[in-house]
Protein backbone atom coordinates (compact mmCIF):
# COMPACT_ATOMS: atom_id res chain seq x y z
CA MET A 1 -28.83 -18.51 0.62
CA ILE A 2 -25.44 -19.93 -0.41
CA LYS A 3 -22.59 -17.48 0.05
CA SER A 4 -20.48 -17.17 -3.10
CA LYS A 5 -16.80 -18.00 -2.82
CA ARG A 6 -14.41 -15.14 -3.49
CA ASN A 7 -12.12 -15.58 -6.47
CA SER A 8 -8.73 -16.62 -5.08
CA SER A 9 -6.87 -14.82 -7.87
CA PHE A 10 -7.65 -11.52 -6.14
CA GLU A 11 -6.58 -12.96 -2.79
CA LEU A 12 -3.32 -14.18 -4.31
CA LEU A 13 -2.77 -10.70 -5.70
CA ARG A 14 -3.48 -9.29 -2.23
CA ILE A 15 -0.77 -11.53 -0.76
CA LEU A 16 1.76 -10.64 -3.45
CA SER A 17 0.95 -6.94 -3.04
CA MET A 18 1.59 -7.06 0.69
CA PHE A 19 4.87 -8.91 0.21
CA ALA A 20 5.89 -6.19 -2.26
CA ILE A 21 5.07 -3.61 0.42
CA VAL A 22 7.17 -5.44 3.03
CA ILE A 23 10.16 -5.72 0.70
CA HIS A 24 9.70 -2.02 -0.06
CA HIS A 25 10.07 -1.36 3.68
CA PHE A 26 13.40 -3.24 3.65
CA ALA A 27 14.64 -0.57 1.25
CA ILE A 28 12.99 2.63 2.41
CA HIS A 29 13.38 2.02 6.16
CA GLY A 30 16.77 0.31 5.88
CA THR A 31 20.22 1.66 6.62
CA LEU A 32 21.21 2.06 2.95
CA ASN A 33 20.48 5.71 2.19
CA PRO A 34 20.89 6.83 -1.46
CA SER A 35 20.89 10.45 -0.29
CA PHE A 36 24.48 9.82 0.82
CA TYR A 37 25.80 8.45 -2.45
CA ASP A 38 28.60 5.89 -2.33
CA LYS A 39 29.92 4.57 -5.64
CA ASN A 40 30.65 1.22 -3.98
CA PHE A 41 26.90 0.74 -3.58
CA ALA A 42 25.95 1.88 -7.10
CA ASN A 43 24.47 -1.44 -8.27
CA SER A 44 22.52 -1.84 -5.05
CA TYR A 45 20.93 1.57 -5.61
CA VAL A 46 19.28 0.11 -8.73
CA ILE A 47 17.78 -2.68 -6.62
CA TYR A 48 16.81 -0.12 -3.99
CA ASP A 49 14.90 1.98 -6.54
CA TYR A 50 13.14 -1.07 -7.93
CA LEU A 51 12.08 -2.26 -4.48
CA ILE A 52 10.62 1.19 -3.82
CA PHE A 53 8.70 0.86 -7.09
CA LEU A 54 7.38 -2.58 -6.11
CA GLY A 55 6.13 -1.24 -2.78
CA ARG A 56 4.21 1.62 -4.36
CA LEU A 57 2.86 -0.85 -6.88
CA GLY A 58 1.65 -2.99 -3.98
CA VAL A 59 -0.12 -0.03 -2.38
CA ILE A 60 -2.03 0.80 -5.57
CA LEU A 61 -3.01 -2.83 -6.12
CA PHE A 62 -4.13 -3.17 -2.49
CA VAL A 63 -6.44 -0.18 -2.89
CA MET A 64 -7.75 -1.42 -6.24
CA ILE A 65 -8.60 -4.86 -4.82
CA GLY A 66 -10.74 -3.30 -2.11
CA ALA A 67 -12.29 -0.87 -4.58
CA TYR A 68 -13.20 -3.65 -7.00
CA PHE A 69 -15.41 -5.33 -4.40
CA LEU A 70 -16.81 -2.12 -2.90
CA CYS A 71 -17.62 -0.04 -5.99
CA ASP A 72 -21.08 -1.58 -6.44
CA LYS A 73 -21.88 -2.29 -2.78
CA GLU A 74 -24.12 -0.38 -0.40
CA PHE A 75 -22.19 1.56 2.22
CA ASN A 76 -22.15 0.68 5.90
CA PHE A 77 -19.99 1.88 8.75
CA LYS A 78 -18.67 -1.57 9.64
CA ARG A 79 -15.62 -1.46 7.38
CA PRO A 80 -14.14 1.87 8.54
CA ILE A 81 -15.03 1.15 12.17
CA ASN A 82 -13.40 -2.29 12.08
CA LEU A 83 -10.34 -0.86 10.37
CA ILE A 84 -9.96 1.87 13.00
CA LEU A 85 -10.47 -0.54 15.91
CA THR A 86 -7.99 -3.06 14.53
CA THR A 87 -5.40 -0.34 13.96
CA CYS A 88 -5.87 1.01 17.49
CA MET A 89 -5.63 -2.50 18.94
CA TYR A 90 -2.30 -3.18 17.28
CA SER A 91 -0.95 0.31 17.97
CA TYR A 92 -1.54 0.18 21.71
CA LEU A 93 -0.75 -3.51 22.10
CA ILE A 94 2.63 -3.19 20.39
CA TYR A 95 3.40 0.01 22.29
CA PHE A 96 2.51 -1.60 25.63
CA VAL A 97 4.56 -4.75 24.98
CA LEU A 98 7.64 -2.85 23.80
CA ARG A 99 7.56 -0.17 26.47
CA HIS A 100 6.49 -2.10 29.55
CA ILE A 101 7.62 -5.66 28.85
CA ILE A 102 10.57 -5.70 26.44
CA HIS A 103 11.70 -2.06 26.42
CA PRO A 104 14.58 -2.35 23.93
CA ARG A 105 17.37 0.19 24.43
CA SER A 106 17.30 1.19 20.78
CA LEU A 107 13.81 2.65 21.31
CA SER A 108 14.54 4.50 24.55
CA ALA A 109 14.47 7.86 22.80
CA LEU A 110 10.99 7.12 21.48
CA PHE A 111 9.75 6.18 24.94
CA ASN A 112 10.91 9.32 26.76
CA ASN A 113 7.42 10.84 26.57
CA GLU A 114 5.35 10.94 29.72
CA GLY A 115 1.72 11.51 30.60
CA LEU A 116 -0.61 12.30 27.73
CA LYS A 117 2.27 12.33 25.26
CA ALA A 118 3.07 8.73 26.12
CA PHE A 119 -0.58 7.77 25.68
CA TRP A 120 -0.77 9.57 22.33
CA GLY A 121 2.53 8.13 21.09
CA PRO A 122 1.33 4.85 19.59
CA PHE A 123 -1.82 6.19 17.98
CA PRO A 124 -1.67 6.13 14.18
CA LEU A 125 -2.38 9.84 13.91
CA PRO A 126 -0.64 12.17 13.26
CA SER A 127 2.25 9.81 12.46
CA GLY A 128 2.60 6.12 11.79
CA TYR A 129 0.21 4.36 9.44
CA TRP A 130 -0.22 6.87 6.61
CA PHE A 131 -2.04 4.22 4.55
CA VAL A 132 -4.71 3.76 7.21
CA GLY A 133 -5.55 7.46 7.24
CA GLY A 134 -5.95 7.60 3.47
CA TYR A 135 -7.92 4.37 3.30
CA VAL A 136 -10.32 5.38 6.08
CA VAL A 137 -11.07 8.61 4.20
CA LEU A 138 -11.70 6.56 1.06
CA LEU A 139 -14.09 4.24 2.90
CA PHE A 140 -16.16 7.15 4.18
CA LEU A 141 -16.33 8.57 0.65
CA ILE A 142 -17.71 5.33 -0.82
CA PRO A 143 -21.38 6.46 -0.92
CA MET A 144 -20.49 9.50 -3.01
CA LEU A 145 -17.97 7.64 -5.16
CA ASN A 146 -20.39 4.80 -5.90
CA SER A 147 -23.18 7.24 -6.74
CA THR A 148 -20.82 8.93 -9.18
CA ILE A 149 -19.81 5.62 -10.76
CA LYS A 150 -23.42 4.52 -11.08
CA SER A 151 -24.45 7.76 -12.79
CA LEU A 152 -21.64 7.80 -15.37
CA ASN A 153 -21.50 5.95 -18.66
CA LYS A 154 -18.29 4.46 -20.04
CA GLN A 155 -17.08 7.62 -21.79
CA GLN A 156 -17.86 9.82 -18.79
CA LEU A 157 -15.98 7.52 -16.41
CA GLN A 158 -13.04 7.45 -18.84
CA PHE A 159 -13.01 11.26 -18.87
CA LEU A 160 -13.16 11.42 -15.07
CA ILE A 161 -10.17 9.07 -14.80
CA PHE A 162 -8.36 11.09 -17.46
CA ILE A 163 -8.91 14.48 -15.82
CA LEU A 164 -7.90 13.18 -12.37
CA SER A 165 -4.80 11.65 -13.95
CA VAL A 166 -3.91 15.04 -15.45
CA PHE A 167 -4.15 16.79 -12.07
CA TRP A 168 -2.78 14.04 -9.81
CA VAL A 169 -0.35 12.17 -12.12
CA LEU A 170 0.72 14.21 -15.14
CA ILE A 171 1.21 17.60 -13.47
CA PRO A 172 3.12 16.23 -10.43
CA THR A 173 5.30 14.18 -12.80
CA LEU A 174 6.04 17.21 -14.98
CA MET A 175 6.90 19.20 -11.87
CA GLN A 176 9.41 16.49 -10.99
CA ILE A 177 10.93 16.40 -14.48
CA LEU A 178 10.90 20.20 -14.87
CA PRO A 179 11.40 21.57 -11.35
CA GLY A 180 11.65 25.20 -10.38
CA LYS A 181 8.24 26.59 -11.37
CA PRO A 182 7.66 29.39 -8.83
CA ASP A 183 4.67 29.48 -6.48
CA MET A 184 3.43 26.03 -7.44
CA ALA A 185 3.28 22.73 -5.59
CA ILE A 186 1.84 19.33 -6.44
CA ASP A 187 -0.91 19.73 -3.84
CA ASP A 188 -2.24 22.86 -5.56
CA PHE A 189 -4.60 20.55 -7.47
CA GLY A 190 -5.65 18.53 -4.45
CA TYR A 191 -3.02 15.79 -4.60
CA SER A 192 -2.14 13.86 -1.47
CA HIS A 193 -1.21 10.25 -0.71
CA GLY A 194 -4.74 9.59 0.50
CA ILE A 195 -6.72 11.54 -2.07
CA ILE A 196 -5.08 9.79 -5.02
CA PHE A 197 -6.75 6.62 -3.71
CA ILE A 198 -9.90 8.04 -5.33
CA LEU A 199 -8.27 7.72 -8.74
CA PHE A 200 -7.35 4.09 -8.01
CA TYR A 201 -10.95 3.49 -6.88
CA PHE A 202 -12.33 4.74 -10.20
CA MET A 203 -9.75 2.68 -12.12
CA ALA A 204 -10.90 -0.51 -10.38
CA ALA A 205 -14.54 0.39 -10.99
CA TYR A 206 -13.82 0.90 -14.68
CA LEU A 207 -12.20 -2.53 -14.94
CA LYS A 208 -15.24 -4.07 -13.28
CA LYS A 209 -17.86 -2.32 -15.43
CA TYR A 210 -16.28 -1.62 -18.80
CA SER A 211 -13.24 -3.84 -19.35
CA GLY A 212 -13.73 -4.66 -23.04
CA SER A 213 -12.03 -7.34 -25.13
CA PHE A 214 -8.48 -6.00 -24.78
CA LEU A 215 -8.51 -5.71 -20.99
CA ASN A 216 -10.26 -9.07 -20.70
CA ASP A 217 -7.45 -10.86 -22.56
CA ALA A 218 -5.24 -12.43 -19.86
CA LYS A 219 -2.39 -13.10 -22.28
CA LYS A 220 -2.25 -9.49 -23.47
CA MET A 221 -2.49 -8.20 -19.91
CA SER A 222 0.40 -10.43 -18.83
CA MET A 223 2.52 -9.11 -21.71
CA MET A 224 1.66 -5.48 -20.90
CA SER A 225 2.43 -6.08 -17.22
CA LEU A 226 5.83 -7.61 -17.99
CA LEU A 227 6.59 -4.78 -20.41
CA CYS A 228 5.85 -2.16 -17.74
CA LEU A 229 7.88 -4.02 -15.12
CA ALA A 230 10.82 -4.30 -17.51
CA THR A 231 10.55 -0.64 -18.56
CA THR A 232 10.78 0.52 -14.97
CA LEU A 233 13.84 -1.66 -14.40
CA VAL A 234 15.49 -0.14 -17.50
CA ILE A 235 14.75 3.35 -16.15
CA CYS A 236 16.43 2.44 -12.86
CA LEU A 237 19.45 1.10 -14.76
CA LEU A 238 19.68 4.22 -16.93
CA ALA A 239 19.52 6.37 -13.81
CA LEU A 240 22.66 4.57 -12.61
CA ARG A 241 24.46 5.74 -15.76
CA GLY A 242 23.60 9.36 -15.00
CA SER A 243 20.97 10.07 -17.64
CA GLN A 244 19.26 13.22 -16.33
CA ALA A 245 15.86 12.34 -17.76
CA SER A 246 16.12 8.85 -16.31
CA VAL A 247 17.13 10.18 -12.91
CA MET A 248 14.04 12.37 -12.89
CA LEU A 249 11.76 9.57 -14.05
CA ALA A 250 13.26 7.17 -11.53
CA GLY A 251 11.34 8.84 -8.71
CA VAL A 252 9.52 5.57 -8.24
CA ASN A 253 8.86 6.31 -4.58
CA ALA A 254 5.95 8.55 -5.58
CA LEU A 255 2.42 7.16 -5.80
CA TYR A 256 1.75 9.45 -8.76
CA ASN A 257 4.49 7.85 -10.86
CA PRO A 258 2.76 7.04 -14.20
CA PHE A 259 4.73 3.83 -14.77
CA THR A 260 3.70 2.54 -11.36
CA ILE A 261 0.02 3.31 -11.93
CA LEU A 262 0.00 1.88 -15.45
CA THR A 263 1.77 -1.28 -14.28
CA ALA A 264 -0.74 -1.71 -11.45
CA PHE A 265 -3.63 -1.26 -13.90
CA TYR A 266 -2.39 -4.02 -16.21
CA ILE A 267 -1.43 -6.40 -13.40
CA PHE A 268 -4.86 -5.98 -11.83
CA ALA A 269 -6.53 -6.61 -15.19
CA PHE A 270 -4.46 -9.78 -15.59
CA PHE A 271 -5.49 -11.21 -12.21
CA LYS A 272 -9.09 -10.20 -12.83
CA ASN A 273 -9.12 -12.53 -15.81
CA LEU A 274 -7.94 -15.50 -13.74
CA SER A 275 -10.48 -17.54 -11.82
CA PHE A 276 -9.88 -20.26 -9.25
CA TYR A 277 -10.64 -21.04 -5.62
CA ASN A 278 -8.21 -22.02 -2.87
CA GLY A 279 -9.37 -21.88 0.72
CA PHE A 280 -5.84 -21.67 2.13
CA ILE A 281 -4.97 -18.66 -0.05
CA ASN A 282 -8.20 -16.92 0.95
CA TYR A 283 -7.54 -17.58 4.64
CA ILE A 284 -3.98 -16.25 4.45
CA ALA A 285 -5.12 -13.20 2.48
CA GLY A 286 -7.41 -12.25 5.35
CA SER A 287 -4.34 -11.44 7.45
CA MET A 288 -2.61 -9.14 4.97
CA PHE A 289 -3.73 -5.94 6.64
CA GLY A 290 -2.52 -7.35 9.93
CA VAL A 291 0.87 -8.04 8.34
CA TYR A 292 1.06 -4.36 7.42
CA LEU A 293 -0.03 -3.12 10.86
CA ILE A 294 2.55 -5.29 12.62
CA SER A 295 5.55 -4.97 10.32
CA ASP A 296 5.20 -1.23 9.64
CA ASN A 297 4.39 -0.16 13.17
CA THR A 298 6.44 2.95 14.00
CA PHE A 299 8.37 1.17 16.74
CA ILE A 300 8.59 -2.30 15.19
CA ARG A 301 10.02 -1.10 11.89
CA THR A 302 12.77 0.79 13.74
CA LEU A 303 13.79 -2.42 15.46
CA ILE A 304 13.58 -4.55 12.32
CA TRP A 305 15.22 -2.44 9.66
CA GLN A 306 17.57 -0.28 11.75
CA THR A 307 18.64 -2.44 14.71
CA PHE A 308 18.33 -6.12 13.80
CA ILE A 309 18.97 -5.81 10.05
CA SER A 310 21.43 -3.47 8.32
CA SER A 311 20.98 -3.39 4.56
CA LYS A 312 24.04 -1.16 4.19
CA ASN A 313 26.32 -3.94 5.43
CA VAL A 314 25.67 -6.01 2.30
CA ALA A 315 25.16 -3.18 -0.20
CA ALA A 316 28.62 -3.58 -1.74
CA SER A 317 27.19 -6.57 -3.63
CA TRP A 318 23.85 -6.11 -5.35
CA LEU A 319 23.29 -9.88 -5.24
CA ASP A 320 23.77 -9.94 -1.47
CA TYR A 321 21.54 -6.89 -1.11
CA LEU A 322 18.80 -8.49 -3.20
CA GLY A 323 19.20 -11.80 -1.40
CA GLU A 324 18.81 -10.20 2.02
CA ALA A 325 15.88 -8.13 0.78
CA LEU A 326 14.03 -11.26 -0.33
CA GLY A 327 15.09 -13.43 2.60
CA TYR A 328 14.52 -11.03 5.48
CA SER A 329 11.31 -9.67 3.96
CA LEU A 330 9.94 -13.20 3.67
CA VAL A 331 10.81 -13.90 7.31
CA ILE A 332 9.17 -10.65 8.50
CA PHE A 333 6.15 -11.38 6.30
CA LEU A 334 5.69 -14.90 7.70
CA VAL A 335 6.27 -13.90 11.33
CA SER A 336 3.79 -11.02 11.01
CA LEU A 337 1.30 -13.37 9.36
CA LEU A 338 1.61 -15.89 12.19
CA LEU A 339 1.27 -13.16 14.83
CA ASP A 340 -1.88 -11.80 13.18
CA ILE A 341 -3.45 -15.26 13.17
CA LEU A 342 -2.52 -15.88 16.82
CA VAL A 343 -3.29 -12.41 18.17
CA ARG A 344 -6.07 -10.89 16.08
CA LYS A 345 -7.90 -13.89 14.63
CA MET A 346 -7.76 -16.10 17.72
CA VAL A 347 -8.03 -13.49 20.48
CA PHE A 348 -9.26 -10.06 19.40
CA GLU A 349 -11.35 -10.70 16.28
CA LYS A 350 -14.61 -11.56 18.06
CA PRO A 351 -14.48 -8.63 20.54
CA ILE A 352 -13.58 -6.21 17.73
CA ASN A 353 -16.43 -7.53 15.58
CA LYS A 354 -18.90 -7.15 18.45
CA VAL A 355 -17.85 -3.55 19.08
CA THR A 356 -17.96 -2.91 15.33
CA LEU A 357 -21.55 -4.17 15.05
CA PHE A 358 -22.60 -2.16 18.12
CA LEU A 359 -21.09 1.09 16.84
CA ASN A 360 -22.38 0.49 13.32
CA GLU A 361 -25.91 0.06 14.62
CA LYS A 362 -25.74 3.23 16.73
CA ILE A 363 -24.16 5.38 14.01
CA SER A 364 -26.47 4.04 11.29
CA LYS A 365 -29.48 5.18 13.32
CA MET A 366 -28.08 8.71 13.48
CA ILE A 367 -26.77 8.94 9.92
CA LYS A 368 -28.75 7.52 7.02
CA TYR A 369 -27.15 6.82 3.64
């Protein structure tokens, strides 16, 4: 049986999404803090907000790419097991290298734990890779999610997406625009960073099963994507001028932001309508999760964005701020990519895959789906 080649348009989108996430980290983990407003940095705050938006956009697209290929597949334990093992490998490897080999002074406070605390420190729970926790939960829910998708017709799936959007997008957004409602929080309706992945999963499944002529038109999807990207930039610019409504809507650091979700939906639809194959792109895309695990490690990101790079030093000029955001993020992206190829693909991939297959076989015998 000939194995079909995966469409490289999705892999290109995966690469672009991860770069958007890395450049988002330049902003959110950097030394420029909008909470301490400085009028000299006003223009850079616009760039800051937009980089935050791009990162959240990248997260949604990353989830949707995985969902698109999993929404009609049979479940097995290999994916969550491999994800957990890879995350643990990087967590402990980075921790060991930094603490026992390099031991940078800037991280001394983080390494003051001893005994069990020191052992627990690098593990991605309860702090560290928030995305991993949410994505692992999503992977274990796949059998139920796919059964739901299979049983629903087009109108029913549309209604499910609509009702989840009301609870997890509309209501949290209204609470941001109109704050102060007593005894009410956005998680009252089940919202969390991980749970909203379910909505993104259903969105990707809808695009795969029921796109229709409008969503299958690449030209229209490109126009809608550009319109959404431009609209968000305008909102960030209006926020700079002090428009109260714009300031409220400019909370682009939230996954439930409707502009972010809508933009991701149209961008994904656009790339879905492209079709080409490039082996190099597909190979590079296979390291995108490794890029995330390396560059956003709790200890690594402190060194990168707080010690080695100071975004505040160039924030007086928005052009310098944007230039450093693009330049440094590209360097971090490429270095992380190279490290993942050298460390995971060349050294740890085979052992991790063997353990994954062993555990999958044992667990599958105990739990039948």
